[in-house]
C-alpha cells in the first residue's frame, strides 16, 4: 500500500521561505509521478506543481512559477517543494500526490490516486 507523508509546513511571514517534504513508501516507485496541490479555506483544491518520474521535468501553476521549486530524490522516494517569496494568498493546506504514470502533465486532482494527509502553511503579513 502506497503511503505519502508530508512534513515542513508552518507559519511564516510574507516574503519568507519554507520547504515541504513528501516521502513515499510501500512499494517500488518506478514510473511514479509526484506533485503538490493546495486547498485554501473556502476554496477548491488547486494544482501547484508536478514532476516527472525521472525528476527531470517539473511543471508549475502560474501562481507559483518563479517562486516555488519542485524536486525529486528517487533514491529516497521523496519529493520536495521549496517555497520562496511567500505571500498571504499562499496560505493553504498543501497535499502531496502521486500516480503511477509517465505523463506528469496532470493538473486535475482526480488524476491522482495517492494523497498525503496534508500539511498546513500559513503566511502572515
PDB file of N, CA and C in Angstrom:
ATOM      1  N   UNK A   1       0.848  -1.189   0.000  1.00  0.00           N
ATOM      2  CA  UNK A   1       0.000   0.000   0.000  1.00  0.00           C
ATOM      3  C   UNK A   1       0.886   1.242   0.000  1.00  0.00           C
ATOM      4  N   UNK A   2       0.628   2.145  -0.918  1.00  0.00           N
ATOM      5  CA  UNK A   2       1.412   3.366  -1.033  1.00  0.00           C
ATOM      6  C   UNK A   2       1.027   4.337   0.073  1.00  0.00           C
ATOM      7  N   UNK A   3       2.016   4.907   0.702  1.00  0.00           N
ATOM      8  CA  UNK A   3       1.789   5.967   1.693  1.00  0.00           C
ATOM      9  C   UNK A   3       2.639   7.171   1.334  1.00  0.00           C
ATOM     10  N   UNK A   4       2.032   8.342   1.450  1.00  0.00           N
ATOM     11  CA  UNK A   4       2.721   9.607   1.244  1.00  0.00           C
ATOM     12  C   UNK A   4       2.637  10.391   2.541  1.00  0.00           C
ATOM     13  N   UNK A   5       3.777  10.809   3.043  1.00  0.00           N
ATOM     14  CA  UNK A   5       3.814  11.520   4.323  1.00  0.00           C
ATOM     15  C   UNK A   5       4.525  12.852   4.120  1.00  0.00           C
ATOM     16  N   UNK A   6       3.777  13.940   4.365  1.00  0.00           N
ATOM     17  CA  UNK A   6       4.337  15.279   4.200  1.00  0.00           C
ATOM     18  C   UNK A   6       4.870  15.805   5.525  1.00  0.00           C
ATOM     19  N   UNK A   7       5.785  16.744   5.404  1.00  0.00           N
ATOM     20  CA  UNK A   7       6.281  17.483   6.559  1.00  0.00           C
ATOM     21  C   UNK A   7       6.801  18.828   6.074  1.00  0.00           C
ATOM     22  N   UNK A   8       6.992  19.746   7.024  1.00  0.00           N
ATOM     23  CA  UNK A   8       7.630  21.014   6.690  1.00  0.00           C
ATOM     24  C   UNK A   8       6.737  22.231   6.675  1.00  0.00           C
ATOM     25  N   UNK A   9       5.437  22.047   6.848  1.00  0.00           N
ATOM     26  CA  UNK A   9       4.559  23.207   6.880  1.00  0.00           C
ATOM     27  C   UNK A   9       4.751  24.005   8.155  1.00  0.00           C
ATOM     28  N   UNK A  10       4.115  25.182   8.187  1.00  0.00           N
ATOM     29  CA  UNK A  10       4.221  26.010   9.377  1.00  0.00           C
ATOM     30  C   UNK A  10       3.774  27.427   9.130  1.00  0.00           C
ATOM     31  N   UNK A  11       4.167  28.292  10.044  1.00  0.00           N
ATOM     32  CA  UNK A  11       3.809  29.711   9.994  1.00  0.00           C
ATOM     33  C   UNK A  11       5.033  30.505   9.555  1.00  0.00           C
ATOM     34  N   UNK A  12       4.833  31.398   8.599  1.00  0.00           N
ATOM     35  CA  UNK A  12       5.950  32.185   8.091  1.00  0.00           C
ATOM     36  C   UNK A  12       5.446  33.578   7.722  1.00  0.00           C
ATOM     37  N   UNK A  13       6.327  34.542   7.763  1.00  0.00           N
ATOM     38  CA  UNK A  13       5.957  35.912   7.381  1.00  0.00           C
ATOM     39  C   UNK A  13       6.031  36.083   5.867  1.00  0.00           C
ATOM     40  N   UNK A  14       5.308  37.064   5.398  1.00  0.00           N
ATOM     41  CA  UNK A  14       5.348  37.411   3.971  1.00  0.00           C
ATOM     42  C   UNK A  14       6.786  37.620   3.524  1.00  0.00           C
ATOM     43  N   UNK A  15       7.110  37.013   2.392  1.00  0.00           N
ATOM     44  CA  UNK A  15       8.467  37.101   1.873  1.00  0.00           C
ATOM     45  C   UNK A  15       9.379  35.995   2.344  1.00  0.00           C
ATOM     46  N   UNK A  16       8.930  35.208   3.292  1.00  0.00           N
ATOM     47  CA  UNK A  16       9.740  34.130   3.835  1.00  0.00           C
ATOM     48  C   UNK A  16       9.714  32.882   2.974  1.00  0.00           C
ATOM     49  N   UNK A  17      10.363  31.838   3.482  1.00  0.00           N
ATOM     50  CA  UNK A  17      10.505  30.583   2.747  1.00  0.00           C
ATOM     51  C   UNK A  17      10.169  29.392   3.639  1.00  0.00           C
ATOM     52  N   UNK A  18       9.715  28.341   2.979  1.00  0.00           N
ATOM     53  CA  UNK A  18       9.502  27.052   3.629  1.00  0.00           C
ATOM     54  C   UNK A  18       9.845  25.962   2.629  1.00  0.00           C
ATOM     55  N   UNK A  19      10.250  24.796   3.141  1.00  0.00           N
ATOM     56  CA  UNK A  19      10.448  23.647   2.277  1.00  0.00           C
ATOM     57  C   UNK A  19       9.584  22.503   2.766  1.00  0.00           C
ATOM     58  N   UNK A  20       8.717  22.038   1.887  1.00  0.00           N
ATOM     59  CA  UNK A  20       7.888  20.883   2.180  1.00  0.00           C
ATOM     60  C   UNK A  20       8.577  19.624   1.666  1.00  0.00           C
ATOM     61  N   UNK A  21       8.398  18.552   2.416  1.00  0.00           N
ATOM     62  CA  UNK A  21       8.953  17.259   2.050  1.00  0.00           C
ATOM     63  C   UNK A  21       7.842  16.219   2.027  1.00  0.00           C
ATOM     64  N   UNK A  22       7.907  15.323   1.066  1.00  0.00           N
ATOM     65  CA  UNK A  22       6.935  14.227   0.993  1.00  0.00           C
ATOM     66  C   UNK A  22       7.695  12.939   0.717  1.00  0.00           C
ATOM     67  N   UNK A  23       7.588  12.005   1.643  1.00  0.00           N
ATOM     68  CA  UNK A  23       8.248  10.715   1.498  1.00  0.00           C
ATOM     69  C   UNK A  23       7.223   9.656   1.125  1.00  0.00           C
ATOM     70  N   UNK A  24       7.529   8.902   0.082  1.00  0.00           N
ATOM     71  CA  UNK A  24       6.663   7.834  -0.381  1.00  0.00           C
ATOM     72  C   UNK A  24       7.199   6.487   0.102  1.00  0.00           C
ATOM     73  N   UNK A  25       6.292   5.613   0.475  1.00  0.00           N
ATOM     74  CA  UNK A  25       6.703   4.278   0.932  1.00  0.00           C
ATOM     75  C   UNK A  25       5.639   3.266   0.559  1.00  0.00           C
ATOM     76  N   UNK A  26       6.017   2.003   0.571  1.00  0.00           N
ATOM     77  CA  UNK A  26       5.043   0.946   0.392  1.00  0.00           C
ATOM     78  C   UNK A  26       5.282   0.031  -0.788  1.00  0.00           C
ATOM     79  N   UNK A  27       6.066   0.486  -1.776  1.00  0.00           N
ATOM     80  CA  UNK A  27       6.345  -0.369  -2.922  1.00  0.00           C
ATOM     81  C   UNK A  27       7.443   0.275  -3.763  1.00  0.00           C
ATOM     82  N   UNK A  28       7.776  -0.352  -4.875  1.00  0.00           N
ATOM     83  CA  UNK A  28       8.755   0.214  -5.802  1.00  0.00           C
ATOM     84  C   UNK A  28       8.111   1.365  -6.561  1.00  0.00           C
ATOM     85  N   UNK A  29       8.850   2.487  -6.700  1.00  0.00           N
ATOM     86  CA  UNK A  29       8.251   3.686  -7.268  1.00  0.00           C
ATOM     87  C   UNK A  29       8.781   4.030  -8.654  1.00  0.00           C
ATOM     88  N   UNK A  30       9.060   3.028  -9.418  1.00  0.00           N
ATOM     89  CA  UNK A  30       9.412   3.269 -10.805  1.00  0.00           C
ATOM     90  C   UNK A  30       8.194   3.797 -11.541  1.00  0.00           C
ATOM     91  N   UNK A  31       8.390   4.847 -12.342  1.00  0.00           N
ATOM     92  CA  UNK A  31       7.285   5.401 -13.092  1.00  0.00           C
ATOM     93  C   UNK A  31       6.248   6.130 -12.250  1.00  0.00           C
ATOM     94  N   UNK A  32       6.665   6.725 -11.152  1.00  0.00           N
ATOM     95  CA  UNK A  32       5.740   7.373 -10.217  1.00  0.00           C
ATOM     96  C   UNK A  32       5.859   8.883 -10.332  1.00  0.00           C
ATOM     97  N   UNK A  33       4.835   9.494 -10.907  1.00  0.00           N
ATOM     98  CA  UNK A  33       4.762  10.946 -10.966  1.00  0.00           C
ATOM     99  C   UNK A  33       4.306  11.477  -9.613  1.00  0.00           C
ATOM    100  N   UNK A  34       4.942  12.527  -9.137  1.00  0.00           N
ATOM    101  CA  UNK A  34       4.557  13.128  -7.860  1.00  0.00           C
ATOM    102  C   UNK A  34       4.326  14.622  -8.036  1.00  0.00           C
ATOM    103  N   UNK A  35       3.601  15.183  -7.109  1.00  0.00           N
ATOM    104  CA  UNK A  35       3.313  16.601  -7.211  1.00  0.00           C
ATOM    105  C   UNK A  35       2.689  17.151  -5.937  1.00  0.00           C
ATOM    106  N   UNK A  36       2.214  18.389  -6.042  1.00  0.00           N
ATOM    107  CA  UNK A  36       1.604  19.082  -4.910  1.00  0.00           C
ATOM    108  C   UNK A  36       0.337  19.794  -5.354  1.00  0.00           C
ATOM    109  N   UNK A  37      -0.671  19.715  -4.503  1.00  0.00           N
ATOM    110  CA  UNK A  37      -1.878  20.512  -4.618  1.00  0.00           C
ATOM    111  C   UNK A  37      -2.021  21.298  -3.321  1.00  0.00           C
ATOM    112  N   UNK A  38      -2.895  22.276  -3.331  1.00  0.00           N
ATOM    113  CA  UNK A  38      -3.189  23.007  -2.100  1.00  0.00           C
ATOM    114  C   UNK A  38      -4.660  23.377  -2.055  1.00  0.00           C
ATOM    115  N   UNK A  39      -5.135  23.587  -0.831  1.00  0.00           N
ATOM    116  CA  UNK A  39      -6.525  23.987  -0.650  1.00  0.00           C
ATOM    117  C   UNK A  39      -6.587  25.046   0.434  1.00  0.00           C
ATOM    118  N   UNK A  40      -7.013  26.224   0.029  1.00  0.00           N
ATOM    119  CA  UNK A  40      -7.188  27.321   0.968  1.00  0.00           C
ATOM    120  C   UNK A  40      -8.591  27.251   1.570  1.00  0.00           C
ATOM    121  N   UNK A  41      -8.783  27.852   2.734  1.00  0.00           N
ATOM    122  CA  UNK A  41     -10.119  27.824   3.366  1.00  0.00           C
ATOM    123  C   UNK A  41     -11.194  28.378   2.440  1.00  0.00           C
ATOM    124  N   UNK A  42     -12.250  27.608   2.270  1.00  0.00           N
ATOM    125  CA  UNK A  42     -13.373  28.046   1.453  1.00  0.00           C
ATOM    126  C   UNK A  42     -13.152  27.971  -0.047  1.00  0.00           C
ATOM    127  N   UNK A  43     -12.029  27.385  -0.451  1.00  0.00           N
ATOM    128  CA  UNK A  43     -11.733  27.309  -1.882  1.00  0.00           C
ATOM    129  C   UNK A  43     -11.547  25.863  -2.314  1.00  0.00           C
ATOM    130  N   UNK A  44     -11.585  25.657  -3.630  1.00  0.00           N
ATOM    131  CA  UNK A  44     -11.373  24.327  -4.158  1.00  0.00           C
ATOM    132  C   UNK A  44      -9.872  23.985  -4.145  1.00  0.00           C
ATOM    133  N   UNK A  45      -9.627  22.698  -4.167  1.00  0.00           N
ATOM    134  CA  UNK A  45      -8.250  22.231  -4.238  1.00  0.00           C
ATOM    135  C   UNK A  45      -7.652  22.645  -5.584  1.00  0.00           C
ATOM    136  N   UNK A  46      -6.414  23.150  -5.572  1.00  0.00           N
ATOM    137  CA  UNK A  46      -5.806  23.618  -6.811  1.00  0.00           C
ATOM    138  C   UNK A  46      -4.417  23.022  -7.007  1.00  0.00           C
ATOM    139  N   UNK A  47      -4.068  22.869  -8.252  1.00  0.00           N
ATOM    140  CA  UNK A  47      -2.774  22.339  -8.650  1.00  0.00           C
ATOM    141  C   UNK A  47      -1.673  23.350  -8.312  1.00  0.00           C
ATOM    142  N   UNK A  48      -0.539  22.830  -7.830  1.00  0.00           N
ATOM    143  CA  UNK A  48       0.615  23.677  -7.532  1.00  0.00           C
ATOM    144  C   UNK A  48       1.792  23.328  -8.444  1.00  0.00           C
ATOM    145  N   UNK A  49       2.205  22.064  -8.420  1.00  0.00           N
ATOM    146  CA  UNK A  49       3.366  21.661  -9.213  1.00  0.00           C
ATOM    147  C   UNK A  49       3.379  20.150  -9.351  1.00  0.00           C
ATOM    148  N   UNK A  50       4.045  19.679 -10.400  1.00  0.00           N
ATOM    149  CA  UNK A  50       4.234  18.262 -10.603  1.00  0.00           C
ATOM    150  C   UNK A  50       5.625  18.028 -11.179  1.00  0.00           C
ATOM    151  N   UNK A  51       6.102  16.807 -11.069  1.00  0.00           N
ATOM    152  CA  UNK A  51       7.414  16.482 -11.582  1.00  0.00           C
ATOM    153  C   UNK A  51       7.399  15.066 -12.133  1.00  0.00           C
ATOM    154  N   UNK A  52       8.147  14.881 -13.209  1.00  0.00           N
ATOM    155  CA  UNK A  52       8.175  13.592 -13.892  1.00  0.00           C
ATOM    156  C   UNK A  52       8.812  12.520 -13.011  1.00  0.00           C
ATOM    157  N   UNK A  53       8.564  11.258 -13.320  1.00  0.00           N
ATOM    158  CA  UNK A  53       9.164  10.177 -12.526  1.00  0.00           C
ATOM    159  C   UNK A  53      10.688  10.264 -12.454  1.00  0.00           C
ATOM    160  N   UNK A  54      11.314  10.714 -13.522  1.00  0.00           N
ATOM    161  CA  UNK A  54      12.767  10.830 -13.511  1.00  0.00           C
ATOM    162  C   UNK A  54      13.255  11.973 -12.633  1.00  0.00           C
ATOM    163  N   UNK A  55      12.353  12.922 -12.354  1.00  0.00           N
ATOM    164  CA  UNK A  55      12.736  14.111 -11.605  1.00  0.00           C
ATOM    165  C   UNK A  55      13.327  15.206 -12.456  1.00  0.00           C
ATOM    166  N   UNK A  56      13.293  15.017 -13.766  1.00  0.00           N
ATOM    167  CA  UNK A  56      13.940  15.971 -14.670  1.00  0.00           C
ATOM    168  C   UNK A  56      12.991  17.076 -15.102  1.00  0.00           C
ATOM    169  N   UNK A  57      11.706  16.750 -15.229  1.00  0.00           N
ATOM    170  CA  UNK A  57      10.751  17.678 -15.832  1.00  0.00           C
ATOM    171  C   UNK A  57       9.727  18.163 -14.824  1.00  0.00           C
ATOM    172  N   UNK A  58       9.855  19.426 -14.372  1.00  0.00           N
ATOM    173  CA  UNK A  58       8.839  19.998 -13.490  1.00  0.00           C
ATOM    174  C   UNK A  58       7.799  20.781 -14.285  1.00  0.00           C
ATOM    175  N   UNK A  59       6.655  20.991 -13.663  1.00  0.00           N
ATOM    176  CA  UNK A  59       5.648  21.873 -14.245  1.00  0.00           C
ATOM    177  C   UNK A  59       4.955  22.591 -13.099  1.00  0.00           C
ATOM    178  N   UNK A  60       4.683  23.901 -13.287  1.00  0.00           N
ATOM    179  CA  UNK A  60       4.164  24.731 -12.203  1.00  0.00           C
ATOM    180  C   UNK A  60       2.879  25.440 -12.608  1.00  0.00           C
ATOM    181  N   UNK A  61       2.046  25.679 -11.616  1.00  0.00           N
ATOM    182  CA  UNK A  61       0.929  26.581 -11.808  1.00  0.00           C
ATOM    183  C   UNK A  61       1.483  27.995 -11.981  1.00  0.00           C
ATOM    184  N   UNK A  62       0.760  28.814 -12.727  1.00  0.00           N
ATOM    185  CA  UNK A  62       1.213  30.181 -12.987  1.00  0.00           C
ATOM    186  C   UNK A  62       1.388  30.973 -11.692  1.00  0.00           C
ATOM    187  N   UNK A  63       0.546  30.685 -10.704  1.00  0.00           N
ATOM    188  CA  UNK A  63       0.564  31.452  -9.462  1.00  0.00           C
ATOM    189  C   UNK A  63       1.840  31.248  -8.648  1.00  0.00           C
ATOM    190  N   UNK A  64       2.565  30.152  -8.896  1.00  0.00           N
ATOM    191  CA  UNK A  64       3.746  29.850  -8.081  1.00  0.00           C
ATOM    192  C   UNK A  64       5.027  29.807  -8.898  1.00  0.00           C
ATOM    193  N   UNK A  65       4.898  29.834 -10.208  1.00  0.00           N
ATOM    194  CA  UNK A  65       6.078  29.750 -11.077  1.00  0.00           C
ATOM    195  C   UNK A  65       7.041  30.873 -10.729  1.00  0.00           C
ATOM    196  N   UNK A  66       8.296  30.573 -10.697  1.00  0.00           N
ATOM    197  CA  UNK A  66       9.397  31.503 -10.378  1.00  0.00           C
ATOM    198  C   UNK A  66       9.523  31.772  -8.884  1.00  0.00           C
ATOM    199  N   UNK A  67       8.622  31.242  -8.070  1.00  0.00           N
ATOM    200  CA  UNK A  67       8.749  31.354  -6.602  1.00  0.00           C
ATOM    201  C   UNK A  67       8.941  29.993  -5.937  1.00  0.00           C
ATOM    202  N   UNK A  68       8.307  28.964  -6.503  1.00  0.00           N
ATOM    203  CA  UNK A  68       8.371  27.621  -5.942  1.00  0.00           C
ATOM    204  C   UNK A  68       9.229  26.732  -6.841  1.00  0.00           C
ATOM    205  N   UNK A  69       9.892  25.752  -6.218  1.00  0.00           N
ATOM    206  CA  UNK A  69      10.679  24.785  -6.968  1.00  0.00           C
ATOM    207  C   UNK A  69      10.375  23.390  -6.464  1.00  0.00           C
ATOM    208  N   UNK A  70       9.986  22.522  -7.385  1.00  0.00           N
ATOM    209  CA  UNK A  70       9.737  21.129  -7.040  1.00  0.00           C
ATOM    210  C   UNK A  70      10.955  20.311  -7.463  1.00  0.00           C
ATOM    211  N   UNK A  71      11.329  19.358  -6.622  1.00  0.00           N
ATOM    212  CA  UNK A  71      12.456  18.486  -6.951  1.00  0.00           C
ATOM    213  C   UNK A  71      12.191  17.097  -6.379  1.00  0.00           C
ATOM    214  N   UNK A  72      12.964  16.135  -6.863  1.00  0.00           N
ATOM    215  CA  UNK A  72      12.685  14.738  -6.507  1.00  0.00           C
ATOM    216  C   UNK A  72      13.997  14.009  -6.290  1.00  0.00           C
ATOM    217  N   UNK A  73      14.065  13.228  -5.238  1.00  0.00           N
ATOM    218  CA  UNK A  73      15.201  12.361  -4.961  1.00  0.00           C
ATOM    219  C   UNK A  73      14.711  10.926  -5.089  1.00  0.00           C
ATOM    220  N   UNK A  74      14.994  10.312  -6.221  1.00  0.00           N
ATOM    221  CA  UNK A  74      14.469   8.969  -6.474  1.00  0.00           C
ATOM    222  C   UNK A  74      15.087   7.922  -5.552  1.00  0.00           C
ATOM    223  N   UNK A  75      16.294   8.151  -5.121  1.00  0.00           N
ATOM    224  CA  UNK A  75      16.928   7.192  -4.202  1.00  0.00           C
ATOM    225  C   UNK A  75      16.196   7.135  -2.866  1.00  0.00           C
ATOM    226  N   UNK A  76      15.555   8.251  -2.516  1.00  0.00           N
ATOM    227  CA  UNK A  76      14.833   8.326  -1.241  1.00  0.00           C
ATOM    228  C   UNK A  76      13.323   8.289  -1.426  1.00  0.00           C
ATOM    229  N   UNK A  77      12.864   8.172  -2.667  1.00  0.00           N
ATOM    230  CA  UNK A  77      11.408   8.213  -2.953  1.00  0.00           C
ATOM    231  C   UNK A  77      10.770   9.437  -2.304  1.00  0.00           C
ATOM    232  N   UNK A  78      11.418  10.567  -2.465  1.00  0.00           N
ATOM    233  CA  UNK A  78      10.989  11.790  -1.785  1.00  0.00           C
ATOM    234  C   UNK A  78      10.890  12.935  -2.781  1.00  0.00           C
ATOM    235  N   UNK A  79       9.853  13.749  -2.603  1.00  0.00           N
ATOM    236  CA  UNK A  79       9.694  14.959  -3.408  1.00  0.00           C
ATOM    237  C   UNK A  79       9.688  16.156  -2.471  1.00  0.00           C
ATOM    238  N   UNK A  80      10.227  17.252  -2.956  1.00  0.00           N
ATOM    239  CA  UNK A  80      10.341  18.471  -2.162  1.00  0.00           C
ATOM    240  C   UNK A  80       9.636  19.619  -2.871  1.00  0.00           C
ATOM    241  N   UNK A  81       9.172  20.574  -2.080  1.00  0.00           N
ATOM    242  CA  UNK A  81       8.639  21.816  -2.643  1.00  0.00           C
ATOM    243  C   UNK A  81       9.282  22.963  -1.887  1.00  0.00           C
ATOM    244  N   UNK A  82      10.228  23.618  -2.528  1.00  0.00           N
ATOM    245  CA  UNK A  82      10.860  24.797  -1.956  1.00  0.00           C
ATOM    246  C   UNK A  82      10.012  26.003  -2.298  1.00  0.00           C
ATOM    247  N   UNK A  83       9.523  26.692  -1.291  1.00  0.00           N
ATOM    248  CA  UNK A  83       8.629  27.820  -1.490  1.00  0.00           C
ATOM    249  C   UNK A  83       9.319  29.099  -1.013  1.00  0.00           C
ATOM    250  N   UNK A  84       9.565  30.002  -1.918  1.00  0.00           N
ATOM    251  CA  UNK A  84      10.203  31.283  -1.607  1.00  0.00           C
ATOM    252  C   UNK A  84       9.234  32.427  -1.876  1.00  0.00           C
ATOM    253  N   UNK A  85       9.568  33.592  -1.343  1.00  0.00           N
ATOM    254  CA  UNK A  85       8.755  34.802  -1.554  1.00  0.00           C
ATOM    255  C   UNK A  85       7.280  34.517  -1.262  1.00  0.00           C
ATOM    256  N   UNK A  86       7.027  33.906  -0.148  1.00  0.00           N
ATOM    257  CA  UNK A  86       5.661  33.514   0.198  1.00  0.00           C
ATOM    258  C   UNK A  86       4.783  34.729   0.443  1.00  0.00           C
ATOM    259  N   UNK A  87       3.525  34.567   0.071  1.00  0.00           N
ATOM    260  CA  UNK A  87       2.528  35.634   0.188  1.00  0.00           C
ATOM    261  C   UNK A  87       1.341  35.114   0.994  1.00  0.00           C
ATOM    262  N   UNK A  88       0.548  35.999   1.553  1.00  0.00           N
ATOM    263  CA  UNK A  88      -0.636  35.533   2.306  1.00  0.00           C
ATOM    264  C   UNK A  88      -1.568  34.656   1.470  1.00  0.00           C
ATOM    265  N   UNK A  89      -1.643  34.885   0.164  1.00  0.00           N
ATOM    266  CA  UNK A  89      -2.545  34.048  -0.638  1.00  0.00           C
ATOM    267  C   UNK A  89      -1.965  32.674  -0.933  1.00  0.00           C
ATOM    268  N   UNK A  90      -0.771  32.379  -0.418  1.00  0.00           N
ATOM    269  CA  UNK A  90      -0.237  31.016  -0.465  1.00  0.00           C
ATOM    270  C   UNK A  90      -0.715  30.195   0.726  1.00  0.00           C
ATOM    271  N   UNK A  91      -1.388  30.832   1.653  1.00  0.00           N
ATOM    272  CA  UNK A  91      -1.893  30.130   2.827  1.00  0.00           C
ATOM    273  C   UNK A  91      -2.872  29.046   2.408  1.00  0.00           C
ATOM    274  N   UNK A  92      -2.607  27.818   2.834  1.00  0.00           N
ATOM    275  CA  UNK A  92      -3.431  26.676   2.443  1.00  0.00           C
ATOM    276  C   UNK A  92      -2.901  25.423   3.126  1.00  0.00           C
ATOM    277  N   UNK A  93      -3.667  24.362   3.015  1.00  0.00           N
ATOM    278  CA  UNK A  93      -3.146  23.031   3.332  1.00  0.00           C
ATOM    279  C   UNK A  93      -2.551  22.472   2.041  1.00  0.00           C
ATOM    280  N   UNK A  94      -1.312  22.037   2.130  1.00  0.00           N
ATOM    281  CA  UNK A  94      -0.601  21.518   0.967  1.00  0.00           C
ATOM    282  C   UNK A  94      -0.590  19.995   1.015  1.00  0.00           C
ATOM    283  N   UNK A  95      -0.982  19.395  -0.113  1.00  0.00           N
ATOM    284  CA  UNK A  95      -1.081  17.951  -0.217  1.00  0.00           C
ATOM    285  C   UNK A  95      -0.074  17.418  -1.235  1.00  0.00           C
ATOM    286  N   UNK A  96       0.623  16.390  -0.842  1.00  0.00           N
ATOM    287  CA  UNK A  96       1.480  15.644  -1.762  1.00  0.00           C
ATOM    288  C   UNK A  96       0.614  14.622  -2.489  1.00  0.00           C
ATOM    289  N   UNK A  97       0.879  14.456  -3.785  1.00  0.00           N
ATOM    290  CA  UNK A  97       0.113  13.496  -4.582  1.00  0.00           C
ATOM    291  C   UNK A  97       1.054  12.626  -5.386  1.00  0.00           C
ATOM    292  N   UNK A  98       0.543  11.448  -5.778  1.00  0.00           N
ATOM    293  CA  UNK A  98       1.334  10.554  -6.605  1.00  0.00           C
ATOM    294  C   UNK A  98       0.447   9.693  -7.483  1.00  0.00           C
ATOM    295  N   UNK A  99       1.032   9.302  -8.615  1.00  0.00           N
ATOM    296  CA  UNK A  99       0.302   8.444  -9.550  1.00  0.00           C
ATOM    297  C   UNK A  99       1.314   7.685 -10.384  1.00  0.00           C
ATOM    298  N   UNK A 100       1.011   6.411 -10.630  1.00  0.00           N
ATOM    299  CA  UNK A 100       1.880   5.602 -11.479  1.00  0.00           C
ATOM    300  C   UNK A 100       1.556   5.912 -12.939  1.00  0.00           C
ATOM    301  N   UNK A 101       2.298   6.857 -13.492  1.00  0.00           N
ATOM    302  CA  UNK A 101       2.147   7.266 -14.875  1.00  0.00           C
ATOM    303  C   UNK A 101       3.407   7.991 -15.310  1.00  0.00           C
ATOM    304  N   UNK A 102       3.747   7.903 -16.594  1.00  0.00           N
ATOM    305  CA  UNK A 102       4.868   8.667 -17.135  1.00  0.00           C
ATOM    306  C   UNK A 102       4.420  10.041 -17.638  1.00  0.00           C
ATOM    307  N   UNK A 103       3.115  10.281 -17.627  1.00  0.00           N
ATOM    308  CA  UNK A 103       2.586  11.571 -18.056  1.00  0.00           C
ATOM    309  C   UNK A 103       2.438  12.459 -16.828  1.00  0.00           C
ATOM    310  N   UNK A 104       3.408  13.346 -16.623  1.00  0.00           N
ATOM    311  CA  UNK A 104       3.406  14.179 -15.433  1.00  0.00           C
ATOM    312  C   UNK A 104       2.591  15.459 -15.610  1.00  0.00           C
ATOM    313  N   UNK A 105       2.068  15.672 -16.823  1.00  0.00           N
ATOM    314  CA  UNK A 105       1.258  16.880 -17.067  1.00  0.00           C
ATOM    315  C   UNK A 105      -0.179  16.588 -16.661  1.00  0.00           C
ATOM    316  N   UNK A 106      -0.386  16.409 -15.360  1.00  0.00           N
ATOM    317  CA  UNK A 106      -1.718  16.114 -14.844  1.00  0.00           C
ATOM    318  C   UNK A 106      -2.065  17.168 -13.806  1.00  0.00           C
ATOM    319  N   UNK A 107      -3.028  18.020 -14.157  1.00  0.00           N
ATOM    320  CA  UNK A 107      -3.356  19.180 -13.341  1.00  0.00           C
ATOM    321  C   UNK A 107      -4.650  19.016 -12.568  1.00  0.00           C
ATOM    322  N   UNK A 108      -5.336  17.917 -12.796  1.00  0.00           N
ATOM    323  CA  UNK A 108      -6.641  17.675 -12.185  1.00  0.00           C
ATOM    324  C   UNK A 108      -6.459  16.768 -10.978  1.00  0.00           C
ATOM    325  N   UNK A 109      -7.011  17.115  -9.823  1.00  0.00           N
ATOM    326  CA  UNK A 109      -6.821  16.253  -8.642  1.00  0.00           C
ATOM    327  C   UNK A 109      -7.352  14.840  -8.840  1.00  0.00           C
ATOM    328  N   UNK A 110      -8.356  14.678  -9.705  1.00  0.00           N
ATOM    329  CA  UNK A 110      -8.900  13.336  -9.955  1.00  0.00           C
ATOM    330  C   UNK A 110      -7.906  12.432 -10.674  1.00  0.00           C
ATOM    331  N   UNK A 111      -6.815  13.001 -11.179  1.00  0.00           N
ATOM    332  CA  UNK A 111      -5.803  12.210 -11.879  1.00  0.00           C
ATOM    333  C   UNK A 111      -4.874  11.456 -10.938  1.00  0.00           C
ATOM    334  N   UNK A 112      -4.965  11.746  -9.655  1.00  0.00           N
ATOM    335  CA  UNK A 112      -4.033  11.167  -8.697  1.00  0.00           C
ATOM    336  C   UNK A 112      -4.750  10.219  -7.734  1.00  0.00           C
ATOM    337  N   UNK A 113      -4.231   9.017  -7.622  1.00  0.00           N
ATOM    338  CA  UNK A 113      -4.810   8.026  -6.718  1.00  0.00           C
ATOM    339  C   UNK A 113      -4.284   8.145  -5.296  1.00  0.00           C
ATOM    340  N   UNK A 114      -3.080   8.696  -5.148  1.00  0.00           N
ATOM    341  CA  UNK A 114      -2.428   8.680  -3.848  1.00  0.00           C
ATOM    342  C   UNK A 114      -2.243  10.099  -3.320  1.00  0.00           C
ATOM    343  N   UNK A 115      -2.645  10.287  -2.060  1.00  0.00           N
ATOM    344  CA  UNK A 115      -2.611  11.599  -1.428  1.00  0.00           C
ATOM    345  C   UNK A 115      -2.011  11.477  -0.027  1.00  0.00           C
ATOM    346  N   UNK A 116      -1.236  12.479   0.346  1.00  0.00           N
ATOM    347  CA  UNK A 116      -0.800  12.580   1.722  1.00  0.00           C
ATOM    348  C   UNK A 116      -1.894  13.178   2.592  1.00  0.00           C
ATOM    349  N   UNK A 117      -1.594  13.311   3.870  1.00  0.00           N
ATOM    350  CA  UNK A 117      -2.584  13.808   4.825  1.00  0.00           C
ATOM    351  C   UNK A 117      -2.690  15.330   4.818  1.00  0.00           C
ATOM    352  N   UNK A 118      -1.735  15.984   4.210  1.00  0.00           N
ATOM    353  CA  UNK A 118      -1.746  17.442   4.137  1.00  0.00           C
ATOM    354  C   UNK A 118      -0.911  18.070   5.234  1.00  0.00           C
ATOM    355  N   UNK A 119      -0.275  19.179   4.889  1.00  0.00           N
ATOM    356  CA  UNK A 119       0.486  19.952   5.872  1.00  0.00           C
ATOM    357  C   UNK A 119       0.106  21.427   5.707  1.00  0.00           C
ATOM    358  N   UNK A 120      -0.235  22.091   6.793  1.00  0.00           N
ATOM    359  CA  UNK A 120      -0.701  23.476   6.685  1.00  0.00           C
ATOM    360  C   UNK A 120       0.443  24.468   6.548  1.00  0.00           C
ATOM    361  N   UNK A 121       0.220  25.438   5.696  1.00  0.00           N
ATOM    362  CA  UNK A 121       1.138  26.558   5.522  1.00  0.00           C
ATOM    363  C   UNK A 121       0.349  27.839   5.748  1.00  0.00           C
ATOM    364  N   UNK A 122       0.831  28.665   6.647  1.00  0.00           N
ATOM    365  CA  UNK A 122       0.178  29.935   6.938  1.00  0.00           C
ATOM    366  C   UNK A 122       1.181  31.054   6.754  1.00  0.00           C
ATOM    367  N   UNK A 123       0.828  32.018   5.899  1.00  0.00           N
ATOM    368  CA  UNK A 123       1.698  33.157   5.626  1.00  0.00           C
ATOM    369  C   UNK A 123       1.015  34.402   6.167  1.00  0.00           C
ATOM    370  N   UNK A 124       1.691  35.073   7.077  1.00  0.00           N
ATOM    371  CA  UNK A 124       1.120  36.269   7.715  1.00  0.00           C
ATOM    372  C   UNK A 124       1.883  37.504   7.267  1.00  0.00           C
ATOM    373  N   UNK A 125       1.165  38.607   7.219  1.00  0.00           N
ATOM    374  CA  UNK A 125       1.783  39.858   6.788  1.00  0.00           C
ATOM    375  C   UNK A 125       2.297  40.656   7.978  1.00  0.00           C
TER     376      UNK A 125
END
